[in-house]
Amino acid sequence: MAIRNRNLDDGRLGEILDELVEGQLSGVASITQNGETVTFRGPAEIERQIVAVEREIQRREDLAAGITRRRSFVSYPRTSKGWH
């Protein structure tokens, strides 16, 4: 179950990030949000949620500062034809 980051205010989002990092460091695989306990399957899932929360915090900071970030994608050919 993922934590719904966009529904939270900035203060609570920071608290959740702190709880996730603390849980990751101490080996605890669950946190409580709004009276509901979220249990993670493993360290990789906790890490993904930490990255998602950090990304949401960065998005909000960029929005407040008027910064627009666009993702660019680069594709590379997957064939060896023509490449020597």
Protein backbone atom coordinates (compact mmCIF):
# COMPACT_ATOMS: atom_id res chain seq x y z
CA MET A 1 0.00 0.00 0.00
CA ALA A 2 1.47 3.32 -1.04
CA ILE A 3 1.29 6.46 1.00
CA ARG A 4 -0.76 9.15 -0.74
CA ASN A 5 1.70 12.03 -0.68
CA ARG A 6 -0.31 14.71 -2.47
CA ASN A 7 -3.09 14.65 0.12
CA LEU A 8 -0.76 15.58 2.97
CA ASP A 9 0.33 19.02 4.10
CA ASP A 10 4.02 19.93 3.99
CA GLY A 11 4.59 19.39 7.72
CA ARG A 12 3.08 15.91 7.75
CA LEU A 13 4.98 14.96 4.60
CA GLY A 14 8.24 15.86 6.35
CA GLU A 15 7.19 13.81 9.39
CA ILE A 16 6.47 10.79 7.20
CA LEU A 17 9.87 11.13 5.54
CA ASP A 18 11.49 11.19 8.98
CA GLU A 19 9.47 8.12 10.06
CA LEU A 20 10.42 6.23 6.90
CA VAL A 21 14.13 6.98 7.26
CA GLU A 22 14.05 6.11 10.97
CA GLY A 23 12.20 2.89 10.22
CA GLN A 24 14.64 1.98 7.49
CA LEU A 25 17.62 2.55 9.77
CA SER A 26 16.12 0.65 12.68
CA GLY A 27 14.73 -2.22 10.61
CA VAL A 28 11.06 -1.45 11.35
CA ALA A 29 8.91 -2.35 8.35
CA SER A 30 5.80 -0.28 9.13
CA ILE A 31 4.67 3.25 9.91
CA THR A 32 1.34 4.69 11.06
CA GLN A 33 -0.45 7.36 9.02
CA ASN A 34 -3.82 8.83 10.01
CA GLY A 35 -4.51 5.92 12.34
CA GLU A 36 -3.67 3.31 9.67
CA THR A 37 -0.54 1.21 9.76
CA VAL A 38 1.33 0.79 6.49
CA THR A 39 3.52 -2.32 6.42
CA PHE A 40 6.24 -2.65 3.81
CA ARG A 41 7.41 -5.96 2.33
CA GLY A 42 11.07 -5.16 2.56
CA PRO A 43 13.87 -2.59 2.47
CA ALA A 44 13.52 -1.99 -1.27
CA GLU A 45 9.88 -1.00 -0.88
CA ILE A 46 10.73 1.38 1.97
CA GLU A 47 13.45 2.93 -0.19
CA ARG A 48 11.00 3.42 -3.08
CA GLN A 49 8.58 5.19 -0.74
CA ILE A 50 11.37 7.42 0.62
CA VAL A 51 12.27 8.40 -2.94
CA ALA A 52 8.60 9.10 -3.72
CA VAL A 53 8.20 11.33 -0.65
CA GLU A 54 11.45 13.18 -1.42
CA ARG A 55 10.27 13.67 -5.02
CA GLU A 56 6.96 15.11 -3.79
CA ILE A 57 8.75 17.48 -1.41
CA GLN A 58 11.01 18.63 -4.27
CA ARG A 59 7.98 19.09 -6.56
CA ARG A 60 6.29 21.29 -3.96
CA GLU A 61 9.44 23.35 -3.39
CA ASP A 62 9.88 23.81 -7.14
CA LEU A 63 6.23 24.80 -7.53
CA ALA A 64 6.55 27.39 -4.75
CA ALA A 65 9.72 28.78 -6.35
CA GLY A 66 8.15 28.86 -9.83
CA ILE A 67 10.56 26.27 -11.22
CA THR A 68 9.32 23.91 -13.92
CA ARG A 69 11.23 20.70 -14.38
CA ARG A 70 10.62 18.63 -17.43
CA ARG A 71 11.76 15.10 -17.84
CA SER A 72 13.57 14.30 -21.03
CA PHE A 73 14.01 10.85 -22.41
CA VAL A 74 16.85 9.69 -24.58
CA SER A 75 16.55 6.52 -26.58
CA TYR A 76 19.47 4.60 -27.93
CA PRO A 77 19.37 2.08 -30.77
CA ARG A 78 19.34 -1.51 -29.60
CA THR A 79 20.93 -2.93 -32.72
CA SER A 80 24.51 -3.27 -33.80
CA LYS A 81 23.83 -2.56 -37.47
CA GLY A 82 25.85 0.36 -38.67
CA TRP A 83 27.88 0.67 -35.48
CA HIS A 84 31.53 -0.35 -35.89
